Structures are given as structure tokens and as C-alpha cells.
């Protein structure tokens, strides 16, 4: 499934352009701070498999005001590089590639 262009941001990592997007509104579980924030990345020009990254932070728009760091372009770049080395091929069609970086996330009680 491709990312919508509206709301996505462009980033260049090692000379390759990607687009990434964070959901504006959290899912129900993310809003309750029971699930960590996720963002999606795809190749900017050639549609293919989407990278879905699970962070170790709550969504910035959670309902309880739980402190969350924003997802920065540097964080996105730091997620793309290991995903590529773990086998994500952004230009090949296929299922979304999941990169789990949620170690240390503690859900709200």
C-alpha cells in the first residue's frame, strides 16, 4: 500500500530519496498510550514495499499528555539504514517490511 503524498515528507539517505509519514491522529491504542508510535517510509519515485517502523515513544498526540519526543528526520534516516541491511528492498513490490524499535516502551496503566 502506497503512502499518500499529502502530509508526507521527503528525505534523502545515502543519495536515495524516500518519503515518510507519521499518522496525524493516533490509533485508539496509541491515543491511550497502550501502543507505541509508528511511521511509514517508502521510495520517493518507484512504488514498492513500505517500511513500517515502530518506535519506543508514545504518539505525540496521545490523549493523556504523556511526554513524547517528535519523530525527526534524523530518526527516520537512522531507521532506514538498518532496514536496508535487514533486507528491505524499497523498490520491490511486496508486503510491508516491519522494523521494531519498541524496546523500552512502557504502556500506560
N, C-alpha and C. Protein backbone atom coordinates (compact mmCIF):
# COMPACT_ATOMS: atom_id res chain seq x y z
N UNK A 1 0.84 -1.18 0.00
CA UNK A 1 0.00 0.00 0.00
C UNK A 1 0.89 1.24 0.00
N UNK A 2 0.62 2.14 -0.90
CA UNK A 2 1.45 3.33 -1.04
C UNK A 2 1.03 4.42 -0.06
N UNK A 3 1.99 5.24 0.30
CA UNK A 3 1.72 6.40 1.15
C UNK A 3 1.06 7.49 0.33
N UNK A 4 0.16 8.21 0.93
CA UNK A 4 -0.40 9.36 0.24
C UNK A 4 0.64 10.47 0.19
N UNK A 5 0.66 11.20 -0.87
CA UNK A 5 1.65 12.28 -0.99
C UNK A 5 1.34 13.42 -0.03
N UNK A 6 0.06 13.65 0.24
CA UNK A 6 -0.32 14.72 1.14
C UNK A 6 0.12 14.37 2.56
N UNK A 7 0.88 15.26 3.16
CA UNK A 7 1.34 15.04 4.52
C UNK A 7 2.64 14.28 4.64
N UNK A 8 3.17 13.78 3.53
CA UNK A 8 4.43 13.05 3.61
C UNK A 8 5.60 14.02 3.44
N UNK A 9 6.73 13.63 3.99
CA UNK A 9 7.93 14.47 3.91
C UNK A 9 9.01 13.73 3.14
N UNK A 10 9.83 14.46 2.46
CA UNK A 10 10.91 13.88 1.66
C UNK A 10 12.19 13.86 2.49
N UNK A 11 12.95 12.78 2.33
CA UNK A 11 14.25 12.65 3.00
C UNK A 11 15.18 11.90 2.04
N UNK A 12 16.43 12.29 2.04
CA UNK A 12 17.44 11.64 1.21
C UNK A 12 18.44 10.94 2.12
N UNK A 13 18.60 9.64 1.93
CA UNK A 13 19.52 8.84 2.72
C UNK A 13 20.46 8.11 1.75
N UNK A 14 21.74 8.34 1.90
CA UNK A 14 22.77 7.74 1.03
C UNK A 14 22.46 7.96 -0.45
N UNK A 15 21.99 9.15 -0.81
CA UNK A 15 21.74 9.50 -2.20
C UNK A 15 20.41 9.02 -2.76
N UNK A 16 19.59 8.34 -1.97
CA UNK A 16 18.30 7.84 -2.43
C UNK A 16 17.19 8.63 -1.73
N UNK A 17 16.21 9.06 -2.51
CA UNK A 17 15.10 9.85 -1.96
C UNK A 17 13.97 8.92 -1.50
N UNK A 18 13.47 9.23 -0.32
CA UNK A 18 12.34 8.50 0.27
C UNK A 18 11.29 9.50 0.70
N UNK A 19 10.08 9.00 0.94
CA UNK A 19 9.02 9.79 1.55
C UNK A 19 8.61 9.09 2.84
N UNK A 20 8.34 9.86 3.87
CA UNK A 20 7.92 9.26 5.13
C UNK A 20 6.75 10.04 5.70
N UNK A 21 5.98 9.35 6.53
CA UNK A 21 4.79 9.98 7.08
C UNK A 21 4.45 9.38 8.44
N UNK A 22 4.05 10.26 9.34
CA UNK A 22 3.54 9.88 10.65
C UNK A 22 2.04 10.17 10.64
N UNK A 23 1.25 9.24 11.14
CA UNK A 23 -0.20 9.48 11.23
C UNK A 23 -0.47 10.73 12.04
N UNK A 24 -1.30 11.62 11.53
CA UNK A 24 -1.63 12.84 12.27
C UNK A 24 -2.40 12.51 13.53
N UNK A 25 -3.41 11.68 13.39
CA UNK A 25 -4.19 11.27 14.56
C UNK A 25 -3.76 9.86 14.96
N UNK A 26 -3.57 9.65 16.23
CA UNK A 26 -3.15 8.31 16.68
C UNK A 26 -4.27 7.30 16.55
N UNK A 27 -3.90 6.03 16.45
CA UNK A 27 -4.91 4.97 16.54
C UNK A 27 -5.46 4.98 17.96
N UNK A 28 -6.52 4.25 18.20
CA UNK A 28 -7.12 4.23 19.54
C UNK A 28 -6.11 3.75 20.59
N UNK A 29 -5.38 2.68 20.28
CA UNK A 29 -4.40 2.16 21.24
C UNK A 29 -3.25 3.14 21.45
N UNK A 30 -2.84 3.84 20.40
CA UNK A 30 -1.79 4.84 20.53
C UNK A 30 -2.29 6.05 21.33
N UNK A 31 -3.54 6.41 21.15
CA UNK A 31 -4.11 7.55 21.88
C UNK A 31 -4.16 7.26 23.38
N UNK A 32 -4.38 6.01 23.74
CA UNK A 32 -4.40 5.61 25.15
C UNK A 32 -2.99 5.35 25.69
N UNK A 33 -2.00 5.46 24.84
CA UNK A 33 -0.59 5.17 25.17
C UNK A 33 -0.38 3.71 25.52
N UNK A 34 -1.19 2.84 24.93
CA UNK A 34 -1.02 1.40 25.11
C UNK A 34 -0.14 0.81 24.02
N UNK A 35 0.01 1.53 22.91
CA UNK A 35 0.83 1.07 21.79
C UNK A 35 1.76 2.21 21.38
N UNK A 36 2.97 1.88 20.94
CA UNK A 36 3.92 2.93 20.55
C UNK A 36 3.58 3.57 19.20
N UNK A 37 4.20 4.68 18.98
CA UNK A 37 4.05 5.43 17.74
C UNK A 37 4.71 4.68 16.58
N UNK A 38 4.12 4.76 15.41
CA UNK A 38 4.70 4.16 14.21
C UNK A 38 4.74 5.20 13.09
N UNK A 39 5.66 5.00 12.16
CA UNK A 39 5.68 5.83 10.95
C UNK A 39 6.02 4.95 9.77
N UNK A 40 5.71 5.43 8.57
CA UNK A 40 5.91 4.65 7.36
C UNK A 40 6.87 5.37 6.42
N UNK A 41 7.64 4.58 5.68
CA UNK A 41 8.63 5.11 4.73
C UNK A 41 8.50 4.33 3.42
N UNK A 42 8.65 5.02 2.30
CA UNK A 42 8.68 4.35 1.00
C UNK A 42 9.63 5.10 0.07
N UNK A 43 10.02 4.44 -1.00
CA UNK A 43 10.85 5.07 -2.01
C UNK A 43 10.07 6.22 -2.63
N UNK A 44 10.73 7.34 -2.91
CA UNK A 44 10.03 8.54 -3.38
C UNK A 44 9.49 8.41 -4.79
N UNK A 45 10.16 7.65 -5.67
CA UNK A 45 9.78 7.63 -7.07
C UNK A 45 9.23 6.30 -7.56
N UNK A 46 9.72 5.20 -7.03
CA UNK A 46 9.33 3.87 -7.50
C UNK A 46 8.49 3.19 -6.43
N UNK A 47 7.23 2.90 -6.72
CA UNK A 47 6.41 2.24 -5.71
C UNK A 47 6.91 0.83 -5.43
N UNK A 48 6.86 0.46 -4.18
CA UNK A 48 7.32 -0.86 -3.77
C UNK A 48 6.87 -1.14 -2.36
N UNK A 49 7.63 -1.94 -1.65
CA UNK A 49 7.29 -2.30 -0.28
C UNK A 49 7.47 -1.10 0.65
N UNK A 50 6.54 -0.94 1.55
CA UNK A 50 6.58 0.14 2.53
C UNK A 50 7.29 -0.34 3.79
N UNK A 51 8.10 0.51 4.37
CA UNK A 51 8.75 0.23 5.65
C UNK A 51 7.87 0.81 6.75
N UNK A 52 7.51 -0.02 7.73
CA UNK A 52 6.72 0.44 8.88
C UNK A 52 7.62 0.32 10.11
N UNK A 53 7.89 1.45 10.74
CA UNK A 53 8.80 1.50 11.88
C UNK A 53 8.00 1.73 13.15
N UNK A 54 8.18 0.85 14.12
CA UNK A 54 7.55 1.00 15.43
C UNK A 54 8.60 1.60 16.36
N UNK A 55 8.30 2.76 16.91
CA UNK A 55 9.25 3.46 17.79
C UNK A 55 9.08 3.01 19.23
N UNK A 56 9.88 3.55 20.11
CA UNK A 56 9.74 3.25 21.54
C UNK A 56 9.12 4.42 22.29
N UNK A 57 8.43 5.30 21.57
CA UNK A 57 7.82 6.50 22.13
C UNK A 57 6.30 6.44 21.98
N UNK A 58 5.56 7.10 22.87
CA UNK A 58 4.12 7.23 22.63
C UNK A 58 3.87 8.21 21.48
N UNK A 59 2.69 8.14 20.90
CA UNK A 59 2.35 9.07 19.82
C UNK A 59 2.30 10.48 20.40
N UNK A 60 2.83 11.49 19.69
CA UNK A 60 2.82 12.86 20.22
C UNK A 60 1.43 13.40 20.53
N UNK A 61 0.39 12.86 19.88
CA UNK A 61 -0.97 13.35 20.12
C UNK A 61 -1.78 12.41 21.01
N UNK A 62 -1.10 11.73 21.93
CA UNK A 62 -1.85 10.83 22.82
C UNK A 62 -2.78 11.64 23.71
N UNK A 63 -3.85 10.99 24.18
CA UNK A 63 -4.91 11.69 24.91
C UNK A 63 -4.54 12.06 26.33
N UNK A 64 -3.51 11.46 26.87
CA UNK A 64 -3.18 11.69 28.27
C UNK A 64 -2.03 12.66 28.46
N UNK A 65 -1.56 13.24 27.40
CA UNK A 65 -0.48 14.21 27.51
C UNK A 65 0.83 13.58 27.92
N UNK A 66 0.96 12.29 27.68
CA UNK A 66 2.20 11.60 28.01
C UNK A 66 3.32 12.18 27.17
N UNK A 67 4.42 12.49 27.80
CA UNK A 67 5.53 13.14 27.11
C UNK A 67 6.07 12.25 25.99
N UNK A 68 6.20 12.83 24.81
CA UNK A 68 6.69 12.10 23.65
C UNK A 68 7.61 13.00 22.85
N UNK A 69 8.70 12.44 22.40
CA UNK A 69 9.60 13.19 21.53
C UNK A 69 9.04 13.16 20.11
N UNK A 70 9.20 14.23 19.37
CA UNK A 70 8.72 14.21 17.98
C UNK A 70 9.58 13.29 17.13
N UNK A 71 8.99 12.79 16.06
CA UNK A 71 9.74 11.97 15.11
C UNK A 71 10.48 12.94 14.20
N UNK A 72 11.79 12.89 14.26
CA UNK A 72 12.63 13.80 13.49
C UNK A 72 13.17 13.12 12.24
N UNK A 73 13.52 13.88 11.21
CA UNK A 73 14.12 13.28 10.02
C UNK A 73 15.37 12.45 10.34
N UNK A 74 16.13 12.86 11.35
CA UNK A 74 17.31 12.07 11.72
C UNK A 74 16.91 10.69 12.25
N UNK A 75 15.79 10.62 12.96
CA UNK A 75 15.29 9.32 13.44
C UNK A 75 14.85 8.44 12.28
N UNK A 76 14.24 9.07 11.28
CA UNK A 76 13.80 8.32 10.10
C UNK A 76 15.02 7.77 9.35
N UNK A 77 16.04 8.60 9.17
CA UNK A 77 17.26 8.16 8.49
C UNK A 77 17.93 7.02 9.26
N UNK A 78 17.91 7.11 10.60
CA UNK A 78 18.51 6.06 11.41
C UNK A 78 17.70 4.77 11.36
N UNK A 79 16.46 4.82 10.94
CA UNK A 79 15.65 3.61 10.79
C UNK A 79 15.79 3.02 9.40
N UNK A 80 16.00 3.85 8.39
CA UNK A 80 16.11 3.36 7.01
C UNK A 80 17.35 2.51 6.83
N UNK A 81 18.48 2.97 7.35
CA UNK A 81 19.74 2.25 7.13
C UNK A 81 19.72 0.82 7.66
N UNK A 82 19.29 0.56 8.91
CA UNK A 82 19.24 -0.85 9.35
C UNK A 82 18.18 -1.66 8.62
N UNK A 83 17.08 -1.03 8.21
CA UNK A 83 16.05 -1.76 7.47
C UNK A 83 16.60 -2.26 6.14
N UNK A 84 17.39 -1.41 5.48
CA UNK A 84 18.02 -1.83 4.22
C UNK A 84 18.97 -3.00 4.44
N UNK A 85 19.75 -2.94 5.53
CA UNK A 85 20.70 -4.03 5.79
C UNK A 85 19.99 -5.30 6.24
N UNK A 86 18.76 -5.18 6.78
CA UNK A 86 18.00 -6.36 7.20
C UNK A 86 17.15 -6.95 6.08
N UNK A 87 17.20 -6.36 4.89
CA UNK A 87 16.53 -6.97 3.76
C UNK A 87 15.38 -6.19 3.14
N UNK A 88 15.09 -4.99 3.61
CA UNK A 88 14.03 -4.20 3.00
C UNK A 88 14.49 -3.72 1.64
N UNK A 89 13.72 -4.02 0.61
CA UNK A 89 14.01 -3.55 -0.75
C UNK A 89 12.87 -2.61 -1.14
N UNK A 90 13.10 -1.30 -1.04
CA UNK A 90 12.01 -0.34 -1.22
C UNK A 90 11.42 -0.28 -2.63
N UNK A 91 12.13 -0.77 -3.63
CA UNK A 91 11.62 -0.70 -5.00
C UNK A 91 10.96 -2.00 -5.44
N UNK A 92 11.03 -3.03 -4.62
CA UNK A 92 10.41 -4.32 -4.97
C UNK A 92 9.00 -4.38 -4.39
N UNK A 93 8.03 -4.83 -5.18
CA UNK A 93 6.68 -4.94 -4.63
C UNK A 93 6.63 -6.03 -3.56
N UNK A 94 5.71 -5.87 -2.65
CA UNK A 94 5.56 -6.88 -1.61
C UNK A 94 4.88 -6.34 -0.38
N UNK A 95 4.83 -7.17 0.63
CA UNK A 95 4.21 -6.81 1.90
C UNK A 95 5.04 -5.75 2.60
N UNK A 96 4.42 -5.00 3.51
CA UNK A 96 5.19 -4.03 4.28
C UNK A 96 6.28 -4.72 5.09
N UNK A 97 7.41 -4.04 5.19
CA UNK A 97 8.55 -4.53 5.97
C UNK A 97 8.48 -3.85 7.33
N UNK A 98 8.44 -4.63 8.40
CA UNK A 98 8.30 -4.08 9.75
C UNK A 98 9.66 -4.04 10.45
N UNK A 99 9.97 -2.88 10.99
CA UNK A 99 11.18 -2.69 11.80
C UNK A 99 10.73 -2.31 13.20
N UNK A 100 10.99 -3.19 14.15
CA UNK A 100 10.51 -2.98 15.51
C UNK A 100 11.63 -2.38 16.36
N UNK A 101 11.42 -1.14 16.78
CA UNK A 101 12.37 -0.44 17.65
C UNK A 101 11.66 -0.05 18.95
N UNK A 102 10.73 -0.90 19.38
CA UNK A 102 9.91 -0.56 20.53
C UNK A 102 10.48 -1.00 21.86
N UNK A 103 11.71 -1.52 21.86
CA UNK A 103 12.32 -1.94 23.12
C UNK A 103 12.38 -0.75 24.08
N UNK A 104 11.87 -0.94 25.27
CA UNK A 104 11.88 0.12 26.28
C UNK A 104 10.57 0.87 26.37
N UNK A 105 9.63 0.60 25.48
CA UNK A 105 8.33 1.28 25.55
C UNK A 105 7.52 0.68 26.69
N UNK A 106 6.95 1.54 27.52
CA UNK A 106 6.09 1.07 28.60
C UNK A 106 4.70 1.65 28.38
N UNK A 107 3.70 0.80 28.21
CA UNK A 107 2.34 1.29 28.01
C UNK A 107 1.79 1.93 29.28
N UNK A 108 0.81 2.80 29.08
CA UNK A 108 0.16 3.43 30.24
C UNK A 108 -0.65 2.38 30.99
N UNK A 109 -0.72 2.50 32.30
CA UNK A 109 -1.50 1.54 33.09
C UNK A 109 -2.99 1.73 32.90
